[in-house]
N, C-alpha and C. Protein backbone atom coordinates (compact mmCIF):
# COMPACT_ATOMS: atom_id res chain seq x y z
N MET A 1 -2.15 -2.64 22.37
CA MET A 1 -1.84 -1.32 22.69
C MET A 1 -2.11 -0.67 21.77
N THR A 2 -2.66 0.86 21.65
CA THR A 2 -2.49 1.50 20.65
C THR A 2 -1.53 2.40 20.74
N PRO A 3 -1.50 2.88 19.21
CA PRO A 3 -0.61 4.00 19.05
C PRO A 3 -0.80 5.27 19.49
N LEU A 4 -0.51 6.15 20.05
CA LEU A 4 -0.21 7.62 21.00
C LEU A 4 0.65 8.41 19.96
N LEU A 5 1.61 8.72 19.63
CA LEU A 5 2.16 9.31 18.87
C LEU A 5 2.30 8.69 17.68
N ALA A 6 3.58 9.76 17.18
CA ALA A 6 3.35 10.40 15.57
C ALA A 6 4.18 8.24 15.32
N PHE A 7 4.14 7.89 14.18
CA PHE A 7 4.78 6.81 13.78
C PHE A 7 4.00 5.59 14.31
N GLY A 8 2.91 5.75 15.13
CA GLY A 8 1.94 4.59 15.55
C GLY A 8 2.87 4.01 16.58
N LEU A 9 3.78 4.95 17.37
CA LEU A 9 4.49 4.20 18.72
C LEU A 9 3.51 5.17 19.40
N ASN A 10 3.73 4.04 20.48
CA ASN A 10 3.37 4.19 21.79
C ASN A 10 4.49 4.46 22.74
N TYR A 11 3.93 4.85 24.16
CA TYR A 11 4.92 5.67 24.90
C TYR A 11 6.27 4.68 25.13
N TRP A 12 5.90 3.49 25.70
CA TRP A 12 6.46 2.51 26.46
C TRP A 12 7.98 2.50 24.79
N GLU A 13 7.72 2.35 23.79
CA GLU A 13 8.36 2.40 22.42
C GLU A 13 9.69 3.37 22.58
N VAL A 14 8.50 4.63 22.99
CA VAL A 14 9.45 6.01 22.47
C VAL A 14 10.17 6.25 23.95
N LEU A 15 10.09 5.75 24.77
CA LEU A 15 11.63 5.49 25.95
C LEU A 15 12.24 4.28 25.41
N LEU A 16 12.06 3.49 25.11
CA LEU A 16 12.88 2.46 24.33
C LEU A 16 13.91 3.37 23.59
N ILE A 17 13.36 3.73 22.78
CA ILE A 17 14.65 4.45 21.46
C ILE A 17 14.89 5.85 22.49
N LEU A 18 14.71 6.39 23.30
CA LEU A 18 14.83 7.72 23.93
C LEU A 18 16.75 6.93 24.87
N GLY A 19 16.01 5.22 26.00
CA GLY A 19 16.93 4.99 26.94
C GLY A 19 18.04 4.27 25.56
N VAL A 20 18.14 3.85 24.45
CA VAL A 20 18.91 3.77 23.15
C VAL A 20 19.78 4.63 22.91
N LEU A 21 18.73 5.70 22.50
CA LEU A 21 19.97 7.00 22.27
C LEU A 21 20.46 7.14 23.61
N LEU A 22 20.38 7.48 24.89
CA LEU A 22 20.81 7.77 25.94
C LEU A 22 22.26 6.86 26.07
N LEU A 23 22.05 5.37 25.75
CA LEU A 23 23.29 4.48 25.94
C LEU A 23 24.25 4.91 25.05
N LEU A 24 23.96 5.42 23.37
CA LEU A 24 24.58 4.83 22.52
C LEU A 24 25.38 6.24 22.36
N PHE A 25 24.78 7.50 22.88
CA PHE A 25 25.48 9.01 22.72
C PHE A 25 25.97 9.65 23.70
N GLY A 26 25.08 9.23 24.91
CA GLY A 26 25.48 9.72 26.63
C GLY A 26 24.67 11.07 26.58
N SER A 27 24.61 11.13 28.21
CA SER A 27 24.10 12.26 28.42
C SER A 27 24.67 13.50 27.83
N SER A 28 25.84 13.64 27.85
CA SER A 28 26.24 15.31 27.19
C SER A 28 25.91 15.23 26.26
N ARG A 29 26.03 14.33 25.32
CA ARG A 29 26.00 14.69 23.50
C ARG A 29 24.22 14.35 23.37
N LEU A 30 23.49 14.19 23.89
CA LEU A 30 21.82 14.12 23.65
C LEU A 30 21.41 15.17 23.26
N PRO A 31 21.48 16.06 24.05
CA PRO A 31 20.40 17.35 23.40
C PRO A 31 21.47 18.39 22.70
N THR A 32 22.54 17.77 22.57
CA THR A 32 23.34 18.44 21.16
C THR A 32 22.91 18.09 20.14
N LEU A 33 22.71 16.74 19.78
CA LEU A 33 22.06 15.81 18.98
C LEU A 33 20.71 16.36 18.43
N MET A 34 19.50 16.33 19.36
CA MET A 34 18.39 16.59 19.33
C MET A 34 18.44 18.09 18.98
N ARG A 35 18.99 18.98 18.97
CA ARG A 35 18.48 20.37 19.07
C ARG A 35 19.39 19.90 17.23
N SER A 36 20.20 19.62 17.04
CA SER A 36 20.75 19.45 15.64
C SER A 36 19.74 19.36 14.86
N MET A 37 18.99 17.86 15.44
CA MET A 37 18.23 16.63 14.55
C MET A 37 16.53 18.16 14.54
N GLY A 38 16.54 18.66 15.50
CA GLY A 38 16.00 20.00 15.70
C GLY A 38 15.64 20.75 14.15
N ARG A 39 16.73 21.61 14.28
CA ARG A 39 17.11 22.54 13.97
C ARG A 39 17.53 22.21 11.85
N SER A 40 17.39 20.70 11.84
CA SER A 40 17.56 20.28 10.56
C SER A 40 16.31 20.45 9.75
N ILE A 41 15.13 19.63 10.95
CA ILE A 41 13.80 19.55 10.66
C ILE A 41 12.86 20.89 10.16
N THR A 42 13.64 21.60 10.58
CA THR A 42 13.12 23.25 10.67
C THR A 42 13.83 23.92 9.37
N GLU A 43 14.68 23.73 8.85
CA GLU A 43 15.13 23.93 7.25
C GLU A 43 14.67 23.00 6.90
N PHE A 44 14.34 21.93 6.76
CA PHE A 44 13.33 21.29 5.47
C PHE A 44 12.32 21.98 5.57
N LYS A 45 11.67 22.04 6.52
CA LYS A 45 9.90 22.43 6.01
C LYS A 45 10.08 23.59 5.27
N ARG A 46 11.07 24.57 6.23
CA ARG A 46 11.41 25.77 5.47
C ARG A 46 11.58 25.99 3.80
N GLY A 47 12.57 25.12 3.43
CA GLY A 47 12.79 24.86 2.23
C GLY A 47 11.72 24.45 1.52
N VAL A 48 10.66 23.57 2.19
CA VAL A 48 9.76 22.65 1.51
C VAL A 48 8.94 23.77 0.90
N ARG A 49 8.26 24.52 2.63
CA ARG A 49 7.49 25.41 1.78
C ARG A 49 7.88 27.05 0.93
N GLU A 50 9.01 27.45 1.12
CA GLU A 50 9.35 28.32 0.28
C GLU A 50 9.61 27.68 -0.99
N GLY A 51 9.61 26.44 -1.42
CA GLY A 51 10.35 26.01 -3.00
C GLY A 51 8.31 25.75 -3.67
N ALA A 52 7.31 25.73 -2.35
CA ALA A 52 5.99 25.49 -2.73
C ALA A 52 5.52 26.65 -2.89
N GLU A 53 5.37 27.72 -2.54
CA GLU A 53 5.23 29.20 -2.64
C GLU A 53 5.49 30.15 -3.89
N ALA A 54 6.97 29.84 -4.26
CA ALA A 54 7.96 30.65 -5.72
C ALA A 54 8.17 29.19 -6.12
N PRO A 55 7.72 28.82 -7.44
CA PRO A 55 8.06 27.70 -7.97
C PRO A 55 9.07 28.45 -9.15
N GLU A 56 8.36 29.65 -9.74
CA GLU A 56 8.71 29.81 -10.92
C GLU A 56 9.88 31.00 -10.57
N GLU A 57 9.95 31.17 -10.05
CA GLU A 57 11.15 32.19 -9.56
C GLU A 57 12.55 31.41 -9.31
N ALA A 58 12.50 30.22 -9.05
CA ALA A 58 13.58 29.10 -9.15
C ALA A 58 13.58 29.34 -10.11
N LEU A 59 13.22 29.26 -11.44
CA LEU A 59 13.55 28.94 -12.80
C LEU A 59 14.16 30.02 -13.25
N PRO A 60 15.23 30.06 -14.51
CA PRO A 60 15.89 31.08 -14.96
C PRO A 60 14.91 31.41 -16.03
N GLU A 61 15.54 32.46 -16.84
CA GLU A 61 14.39 33.76 -18.01
C GLU A 61 13.93 32.43 -19.20
N SER A 62 15.22 31.36 -19.30
CA SER A 62 15.24 30.89 -20.77
C SER A 62 14.24 29.20 -20.71
N THR A 63 13.83 29.04 -19.60
CA THR A 63 13.32 27.77 -19.14
C THR A 63 11.89 27.89 -18.57
N LYS A 64 11.49 29.55 -18.73
CA LYS A 64 10.25 29.85 -17.84
C LYS A 64 9.33 29.84 -19.59
N PRO A 65 7.92 28.38 -19.16
CA PRO A 65 7.17 28.52 -19.61
C PRO A 65 6.16 29.85 -20.79
N GLU A 66 6.00 29.80 -21.97
CA GLU A 66 5.58 31.01 -22.93
C GLU A 66 3.99 31.49 -22.41
N GLY A 67 3.14 32.66 -22.19
CA GLY A 67 2.44 33.01 -21.89
C GLY A 67 2.99 33.73 -19.86
N THR A 68 4.07 33.76 -19.46
CA THR A 68 3.77 34.15 -17.68
C THR A 68 4.41 35.66 -18.45
């Protein structure tokens, strides 16, 4: 089998994982869980992007390197 999706997983493995999640959390809590995971990933990516764009703004004045 060739990996088709992220992390080298193929369709059957993804379906198996989704089935286990459905059994563990039930059909009523699964959408809420997935929505929460999506928001967490979005917030993490936003934080990484903002941290990379302005690293000097996060430093207090006393710790900034000289010459800036």
